[in-house]
PDB file of N, CA and C in Angstrom:
ATOM      1  N   MET A   1       0.842  -1.170   0.000  1.00  0.00           N
ATOM      2  CA  MET A   1       0.000   0.000   0.000  1.00  0.00           C
ATOM      3  C   MET A   1       0.894   1.242   0.000  1.00  0.00           C
ATOM      4  N   LEU A   2       0.567   2.166  -0.868  1.00  0.00           N
ATOM      5  CA  LEU A   2       1.312   3.419  -0.948  1.00  0.00           C
ATOM      6  C   LEU A   2       0.632   4.467  -0.091  1.00  0.00           C
ATOM      7  N   SER A   3       1.421   5.215   0.655  1.00  0.00           N
ATOM      8  CA  SER A   3       0.834   6.265   1.486  1.00  0.00           C
ATOM      9  C   SER A   3       1.386   7.653   1.210  1.00  0.00           C
ATOM     10  N   THR A   4       2.447   7.733   0.410  1.00  0.00           N
ATOM     11  CA  THR A   4       3.036   9.043   0.138  1.00  0.00           C
ATOM     12  C   THR A   4       3.373   9.164  -1.355  1.00  0.00           C
ATOM     13  N   PRO A   5       3.454  10.387  -1.865  1.00  0.00           N
ATOM     14  CA  PRO A   5       3.882  10.577  -3.253  1.00  0.00           C
ATOM     15  C   PRO A   5       5.290  10.025  -3.498  1.00  0.00           C
ATOM     16  N   GLU A   6       6.132  10.078  -2.494  1.00  0.00           N
ATOM     17  CA  GLU A   6       7.501   9.565  -2.644  1.00  0.00           C
ATOM     18  C   GLU A   6       7.483   8.055  -2.901  1.00  0.00           C
ATOM     19  N   GLN A   7       6.619   7.331  -2.200  1.00  0.00           N
ATOM     20  CA  GLN A   7       6.488   5.894  -2.438  1.00  0.00           C
ATOM     21  C   GLN A   7       5.945   5.628  -3.842  1.00  0.00           C
ATOM     22  N   ALA A   8       4.965   6.407  -4.254  1.00  0.00           N
ATOM     23  CA  ALA A   8       4.361   6.225  -5.578  1.00  0.00           C
ATOM     24  C   ALA A   8       5.372   6.474  -6.688  1.00  0.00           C
ATOM     25  N   ALA A   9       6.305   7.370  -6.468  1.00  0.00           N
ATOM     26  CA  ALA A   9       7.311   7.683  -7.486  1.00  0.00           C
ATOM     27  C   ALA A   9       8.297   6.541  -7.698  1.00  0.00           C
ATOM     28  N   LEU A  10       8.376   5.615  -6.760  1.00  0.00           N
ATOM     29  CA  LEU A  10       9.347   4.523  -6.842  1.00  0.00           C
ATOM     30  C   LEU A  10       8.830   3.286  -7.563  1.00  0.00           C
ATOM     31  N   VAL A  11       7.540   3.245  -7.869  1.00  0.00           N
ATOM     32  CA  VAL A  11       6.950   2.056  -8.489  1.00  0.00           C
ATOM     33  C   VAL A  11       6.059   2.483  -9.655  1.00  0.00           C
ATOM     34  N   PRO A  12       5.745   1.536 -10.564  1.00  0.00           N
ATOM     35  CA  PRO A  12       4.782   1.877 -11.612  1.00  0.00           C
ATOM     36  C   PRO A  12       3.428   2.150 -10.970  1.00  0.00           C
ATOM     37  N   PHE A  13       2.931   3.366 -11.114  1.00  0.00           N
ATOM     38  CA  PHE A  13       1.699   3.756 -10.447  1.00  0.00           C
ATOM     39  C   PHE A  13       0.914   4.680 -11.364  1.00  0.00           C
ATOM     40  N   ALA A  14      -0.342   4.324 -11.595  1.00  0.00           N
ATOM     41  CA  ALA A  14      -1.183   5.129 -12.482  1.00  0.00           C
ATOM     42  C   ALA A  14      -2.438   5.600 -11.764  1.00  0.00           C
ATOM     43  N   GLY A  15      -2.351   5.758 -10.472  1.00  0.00           N
ATOM     44  CA  GLY A  15      -3.502   6.171  -9.683  1.00  0.00           C
ATOM     45  C   GLY A  15      -4.049   5.007  -8.887  1.00  0.00           C
ATOM     46  N   SER A  16      -4.952   5.323  -8.003  1.00  0.00           N
ATOM     47  CA  SER A  16      -5.480   4.311  -7.096  1.00  0.00           C
ATOM     48  C   SER A  16      -6.915   3.952  -7.476  1.00  0.00           C
ATOM     49  N   PRO A  17      -7.219   2.682  -7.554  1.00  0.00           N
ATOM     50  CA  PRO A  17      -6.343   1.556  -7.258  1.00  0.00           C
ATOM     51  C   PRO A  17      -5.555   1.108  -8.483  1.00  0.00           C
ATOM     52  N   THR A  18      -4.278   0.842  -8.290  1.00  0.00           N
ATOM     53  CA  THR A  18      -3.459   0.171  -9.285  1.00  0.00           C
ATOM     54  C   THR A  18      -3.367  -1.274  -8.825  1.00  0.00           C
ATOM     55  N   ILE A  19      -3.832  -2.179  -9.654  1.00  0.00           N
ATOM     56  CA  ILE A  19      -3.900  -3.593  -9.294  1.00  0.00           C
ATOM     57  C   ILE A  19      -2.704  -4.301  -9.914  1.00  0.00           C
ATOM     58  N   THR A  20      -1.852  -4.865  -9.061  1.00  0.00           N
ATOM     59  CA  THR A  20      -0.632  -5.503  -9.538  1.00  0.00           C
ATOM     60  C   THR A  20      -0.568  -6.965  -9.102  1.00  0.00           C
ATOM     61  N   VAL A  21       0.156  -7.748  -9.906  1.00  0.00           N
ATOM     62  CA  VAL A  21       0.508  -9.121  -9.564  1.00  0.00           C
ATOM     63  C   VAL A  21       1.993  -9.244  -9.847  1.00  0.00           C
ATOM     64  N   ASP A  22       2.737  -9.701  -8.871  1.00  0.00           N
ATOM     65  CA  ASP A  22       4.197  -9.814  -8.995  1.00  0.00           C
ATOM     66  C   ASP A  22       4.816  -8.488  -9.422  1.00  0.00           C
ATOM     67  N   GLY A  23       4.256  -7.376  -8.942  1.00  0.00           N
ATOM     68  CA  GLY A  23       4.781  -6.050  -9.248  1.00  0.00           C
ATOM     69  C   GLY A  23       4.400  -5.514 -10.613  1.00  0.00           C
ATOM     70  N   GLU A  24       3.598  -6.260 -11.375  1.00  0.00           N
ATOM     71  CA  GLU A  24       3.205  -5.839 -12.718  1.00  0.00           C
ATOM     72  C   GLU A  24       1.765  -5.335 -12.692  1.00  0.00           C
ATOM     73  N   ASP A  25       1.550  -4.160 -13.263  1.00  0.00           N
ATOM     74  CA  ASP A  25       0.215  -3.570 -13.359  1.00  0.00           C
ATOM     75  C   ASP A  25      -0.629  -4.439 -14.291  1.00  0.00           C
ATOM     76  N   LEU A  26      -1.768  -4.945 -13.800  1.00  0.00           N
ATOM     77  CA  LEU A  26      -2.627  -5.786 -14.626  1.00  0.00           C
ATOM     78  C   LEU A  26      -3.343  -4.995 -15.714  1.00  0.00           C
ATOM     79  N   PHE A  27      -3.370  -3.689 -15.586  1.00  0.00           N
ATOM     80  CA  PHE A  27      -4.020  -2.823 -16.574  1.00  0.00           C
ATOM     81  C   PHE A  27      -3.032  -1.718 -16.959  1.00  0.00           C
ATOM     82  N   PRO A  28      -1.946  -2.095 -17.654  1.00  0.00           N
ATOM     83  CA  PRO A  28      -0.913  -1.103 -17.966  1.00  0.00           C
ATOM     84  C   PRO A  28      -1.460   0.024 -18.839  1.00  0.00           C
ATOM     85  N   SER A  29      -0.907   1.197 -18.624  1.00  0.00           N
ATOM     86  CA  SER A  29      -1.301   2.365 -19.401  1.00  0.00           C
ATOM     87  C   SER A  29      -0.077   3.241 -19.603  1.00  0.00           C
ATOM     88  N   ASP A  30      -0.233   4.244 -20.428  1.00  0.00           N
ATOM     89  CA  ASP A  30       0.859   5.194 -20.635  1.00  0.00           C
ATOM     90  C   ASP A  30       0.940   6.190 -19.488  1.00  0.00           C
ATOM     91  N   GLY A  31      -0.126   6.231 -18.684  1.00  0.00           N
ATOM     92  CA  GLY A  31      -0.172   7.193 -17.585  1.00  0.00           C
ATOM     93  C   GLY A  31       0.622   6.715 -16.391  1.00  0.00           C
ATOM     94  N   GLY A  32       1.330   7.600 -15.804  1.00  0.00           N
ATOM     95  CA  GLY A  32       2.054   7.333 -14.579  1.00  0.00           C
ATOM     96  C   GLY A  32       2.016   8.588 -13.738  1.00  0.00           C
ATOM     97  N   THR A  33       1.971   8.411 -12.450  1.00  0.00           N
ATOM     98  CA  THR A  33       1.903   9.579 -11.582  1.00  0.00           C
ATOM     99  C   THR A  33       2.518   9.251 -10.234  1.00  0.00           C
ATOM    100  N   SER A  34       2.979  10.260  -9.562  1.00  0.00           N
ATOM    101  CA  SER A  34       3.381  10.092  -8.166  1.00  0.00           C
ATOM    102  C   SER A  34       2.340  10.727  -7.254  1.00  0.00           C
ATOM    103  N   ASP A  35       1.291  11.303  -7.879  1.00  0.00           N
ATOM    104  CA  ASP A  35       0.189  11.850  -7.089  1.00  0.00           C
ATOM    105  C   ASP A  35      -0.667  10.703  -6.562  1.00  0.00           C
ATOM    106  N   LEU A  36      -1.140  10.839  -5.348  1.00  0.00           N
ATOM    107  CA  LEU A  36      -2.046   9.845  -4.798  1.00  0.00           C
ATOM    108  C   LEU A  36      -3.446  10.194  -5.284  1.00  0.00           C
ATOM    109  N   ALA A  37      -3.686   9.871  -6.553  1.00  0.00           N
ATOM    110  CA  ALA A  37      -4.907  10.264  -7.238  1.00  0.00           C
ATOM    111  C   ALA A  37      -5.738   9.032  -7.587  1.00  0.00           C
ATOM    112  N   CYS A  38      -6.983   9.261  -7.931  1.00  0.00           N
ATOM    113  CA  CYS A  38      -7.873   8.185  -8.350  1.00  0.00           C
ATOM    114  C   CYS A  38      -7.521   7.750  -9.767  1.00  0.00           C
ATOM    115  N   ARG A  39      -7.788   6.493 -10.053  1.00  0.00           N
ATOM    116  CA  ARG A  39      -7.566   5.932 -11.373  1.00  0.00           C
ATOM    117  C   ARG A  39      -8.920   5.604 -11.991  1.00  0.00           C
ATOM    118  N   ILE A  40      -9.008   5.781 -13.290  1.00  0.00           N
ATOM    119  CA  ILE A  40     -10.231   5.479 -14.023  1.00  0.00           C
ATOM    120  C   ILE A  40      -9.972   4.263 -14.912  1.00  0.00           C
ATOM    121  N   TYR A  41     -10.920   3.346 -14.913  1.00  0.00           N
ATOM    122  CA  TYR A  41     -10.844   2.149 -15.753  1.00  0.00           C
ATOM    123  C   TYR A  41     -11.940   2.211 -16.816  1.00  0.00           C
ATOM    124  N   TYR A  42     -11.621   1.726 -18.020  1.00  0.00           N
ATOM    125  CA  TYR A  42     -12.597   1.613 -19.093  1.00  0.00           C
ATOM    126  C   TYR A  42     -13.291   0.269 -18.940  1.00  0.00           C
ATOM    127  N   THR A  43     -14.596   0.285 -18.777  1.00  0.00           N
ATOM    128  CA  THR A  43     -15.377  -0.943 -18.633  1.00  0.00           C
ATOM    129  C   THR A  43     -16.436  -0.983 -19.732  1.00  0.00           C
ATOM    130  N   PRO A  44     -17.079  -2.124 -19.922  1.00  0.00           N
ATOM    131  CA  PRO A  44     -18.145  -2.197 -20.933  1.00  0.00           C
ATOM    132  C   PRO A  44     -19.285  -1.208 -20.671  1.00  0.00           C
ATOM    133  N   ASP A  45     -19.444  -0.788 -19.424  1.00  0.00           N
ATOM    134  CA  ASP A  45     -20.506   0.157 -19.081  1.00  0.00           C
ATOM    135  C   ASP A  45     -20.020   1.601 -19.026  1.00  0.00           C
ATOM    136  N   GLY A  46     -18.787   1.847 -19.444  1.00  0.00           N
ATOM    137  CA  GLY A  46     -18.232   3.203 -19.406  1.00  0.00           C
ATOM    138  C   GLY A  46     -17.109   3.301 -18.383  1.00  0.00           C
ATOM    139  N   LEU A  47     -16.725   4.513 -18.065  1.00  0.00           N
ATOM    140  CA  LEU A  47     -15.643   4.746 -17.117  1.00  0.00           C
ATOM    141  C   LEU A  47     -16.083   4.379 -15.711  1.00  0.00           C
ATOM    142  N   ALA A  48     -15.155   3.801 -14.937  1.00  0.00           N
ATOM    143  CA  ALA A  48     -15.472   3.390 -13.569  1.00  0.00           C
ATOM    144  C   ALA A  48     -14.226   3.474 -12.706  1.00  0.00           C
ATOM    145  N   GLY A  49     -14.426   3.458 -11.417  1.00  0.00           N
ATOM    146  CA  GLY A  49     -13.321   3.508 -10.467  1.00  0.00           C
ATOM    147  C   GLY A  49     -12.641   2.170 -10.263  1.00  0.00           C
ATOM    148  N   LEU A  50     -13.226   1.107 -10.801  1.00  0.00           N
ATOM    149  CA  LEU A  50     -12.659  -0.243 -10.713  1.00  0.00           C
ATOM    150  C   LEU A  50     -12.964  -1.003 -12.000  1.00  0.00           C
ATOM    151  N   PRO A  51     -12.104  -1.955 -12.373  1.00  0.00           N
ATOM    152  CA  PRO A  51     -12.466  -2.827 -13.484  1.00  0.00           C
ATOM    153  C   PRO A  51     -13.570  -3.784 -13.031  1.00  0.00           C
ATOM    154  N   THR A  52     -14.243  -4.388 -13.992  1.00  0.00           N
ATOM    155  CA  THR A  52     -15.264  -5.370 -13.645  1.00  0.00           C
ATOM    156  C   THR A  52     -14.592  -6.671 -13.191  1.00  0.00           C
ATOM    157  N   VAL A  53     -15.361  -7.537 -12.572  1.00  0.00           N
ATOM    158  CA  VAL A  53     -14.842  -8.848 -12.154  1.00  0.00           C
ATOM    159  C   VAL A  53     -14.342  -9.612 -13.378  1.00  0.00           C
ATOM    160  N   ASP A  54     -15.105  -9.571 -14.471  1.00  0.00           N
ATOM    161  CA  ASP A  54     -14.673 -10.262 -15.691  1.00  0.00           C
ATOM    162  C   ASP A  54     -13.352  -9.698 -16.217  1.00  0.00           C
ATOM    163  N   GLN A  55     -13.185  -8.390 -16.168  1.00  0.00           N
ATOM    164  CA  GLN A  55     -11.922  -7.787 -16.606  1.00  0.00           C
ATOM    165  C   GLN A  55     -10.772  -8.227 -15.707  1.00  0.00           C
ATOM    166  N   LEU A  56     -11.013  -8.318 -14.413  1.00  0.00           N
ATOM    167  CA  LEU A  56      -9.975  -8.779 -13.488  1.00  0.00           C
ATOM    168  C   LEU A  56      -9.578 -10.221 -13.787  1.00  0.00           C
ATOM    169  N   ILE A  57     -10.560 -11.074 -14.003  1.00  0.00           N
ATOM    170  CA  ILE A  57     -10.273 -12.479 -14.316  1.00  0.00           C
ATOM    171  C   ILE A  57      -9.449 -12.578 -15.588  1.00  0.00           C
ATOM    172  N   GLU A  58      -9.851 -11.856 -16.634  1.00  0.00           N
ATOM    173  CA  GLU A  58      -9.105 -11.866 -17.899  1.00  0.00           C
ATOM    174  C   GLU A  58      -7.681 -11.364 -17.713  1.00  0.00           C
ATOM    175  N   ALA A  59      -7.501 -10.303 -16.946  1.00  0.00           N
ATOM    176  CA  ALA A  59      -6.164  -9.744 -16.733  1.00  0.00           C
ATOM    177  C   ALA A  59      -5.280 -10.722 -15.974  1.00  0.00           C
ATOM    178  N   ILE A  60      -5.833 -11.386 -14.975  1.00  0.00           N
ATOM    179  CA  ILE A  60      -5.045 -12.383 -14.229  1.00  0.00           C
ATOM    180  C   ILE A  60      -4.683 -13.558 -15.114  1.00  0.00           C
ATOM    181  N   GLU A  61      -5.614 -14.013 -15.920  1.00  0.00           N
ATOM    182  CA  GLU A  61      -5.321 -15.112 -16.840  1.00  0.00           C
ATOM    183  C   GLU A  61      -4.237 -14.724 -17.839  1.00  0.00           C
ATOM    184  N   ARG A  62      -4.275 -13.500 -18.365  1.00  0.00           N
ATOM    185  CA  ARG A  62      -3.219 -13.025 -19.277  1.00  0.00           C
ATOM    186  C   ARG A  62      -1.875 -13.004 -18.572  1.00  0.00           C
ATOM    187  N   HIS A  63      -1.878 -12.584 -17.341  1.00  0.00           N
ATOM    188  CA  HIS A  63      -0.626 -12.497 -16.573  1.00  0.00           C
ATOM    189  C   HIS A  63      -0.019 -13.877 -16.357  1.00  0.00           C
ATOM    190  N   GLU A  64      -0.853 -14.882 -16.162  1.00  0.00           N
ATOM    191  CA  GLU A  64      -0.369 -16.235 -15.870  1.00  0.00           C
ATOM    192  C   GLU A  64       0.236 -16.920 -17.086  1.00  0.00           C
ATOM    193  N   ARG A  65      -0.066 -16.424 -18.291  1.00  0.00           N
ATOM    194  CA  ARG A  65       0.449 -17.079 -19.505  1.00  0.00           C
ATOM    195  C   ARG A  65       1.899 -16.825 -19.728  1.00  0.00           C
TER     196      ARG A  65
END
Protein backbone atom coordinates (compact mmCIF):
# COMPACT_ATOMS: atom_id res chain seq x y z
CA MET A 1 0.00 0.00 0.00
CA LEU A 2 1.31 3.42 -0.95
CA SER A 3 0.83 6.27 1.49
CA THR A 4 3.04 9.04 0.14
CA PRO A 5 3.88 10.58 -3.25
CA GLU A 6 7.50 9.57 -2.64
CA GLN A 7 6.49 5.89 -2.44
CA ALA A 8 4.36 6.22 -5.58
CA ALA A 9 7.31 7.68 -7.49
CA LEU A 10 9.35 4.52 -6.84
CA VAL A 11 6.95 2.06 -8.49
CA PRO A 12 4.78 1.88 -11.61
CA PHE A 13 1.70 3.76 -10.45
CA ALA A 14 -1.18 5.13 -12.48
CA GLY A 15 -3.50 6.17 -9.68
CA SER A 16 -5.48 4.31 -7.10
CA PRO A 17 -6.34 1.56 -7.26
CA THR A 18 -3.46 0.17 -9.28
CA ILE A 19 -3.90 -3.59 -9.29
CA THR A 20 -0.63 -5.50 -9.54
CA VAL A 21 0.51 -9.12 -9.56
CA ASP A 22 4.20 -9.81 -8.99
CA GLY A 23 4.78 -6.05 -9.25
CA GLU A 24 3.21 -5.84 -12.72
CA ASP A 25 0.21 -3.57 -13.36
CA LEU A 26 -2.63 -5.79 -14.63
CA PHE A 27 -4.02 -2.82 -16.57
CA PRO A 28 -0.91 -1.10 -17.97
CA SER A 29 -1.30 2.37 -19.40
CA ASP A 30 0.86 5.19 -20.63
CA GLY A 31 -0.17 7.19 -17.59
CA GLY A 32 2.05 7.33 -14.58
CA THR A 33 1.90 9.58 -11.58
CA SER A 34 3.38 10.09 -8.17
CA ASP A 35 0.19 11.85 -7.09
CA LEU A 36 -2.05 9.84 -4.80
CA ALA A 37 -4.91 10.26 -7.24
CA CYS A 38 -7.87 8.18 -8.35
CA ARG A 39 -7.57 5.93 -11.37
CA ILE A 40 -10.23 5.48 -14.02
CA TYR A 41 -10.84 2.15 -15.75
CA TYR A 42 -12.60 1.61 -19.09
CA THR A 43 -15.38 -0.94 -18.63
CA PRO A 44 -18.15 -2.20 -20.93
CA ASP A 45 -20.51 0.16 -19.08
CA GLY A 46 -18.23 3.20 -19.41
CA LEU A 47 -15.64 4.75 -17.12
CA ALA A 48 -15.47 3.39 -13.57
CA GLY A 49 -13.32 3.51 -10.47
CA LEU A 50 -12.66 -0.24 -10.71
CA PRO A 51 -12.47 -2.83 -13.48
CA THR A 52 -15.26 -5.37 -13.64
CA VAL A 53 -14.84 -8.85 -12.15
CA ASP A 54 -14.67 -10.26 -15.69
CA GLN A 55 -11.92 -7.79 -16.61
CA LEU A 56 -9.97 -8.78 -13.49
CA ILE A 57 -10.27 -12.48 -14.32
CA GLU A 58 -9.11 -11.87 -17.90
CA ALA A 59 -6.16 -9.74 -16.73
CA ILE A 60 -5.05 -12.38 -14.23
CA GLU A 61 -5.32 -15.11 -16.84
CA ARG A 62 -3.22 -13.02 -19.28
CA HIS A 63 -0.63 -12.50 -16.57
CA GLU A 64 -0.37 -16.23 -15.87
CA ARG A 65 0.45 -17.08 -19.51
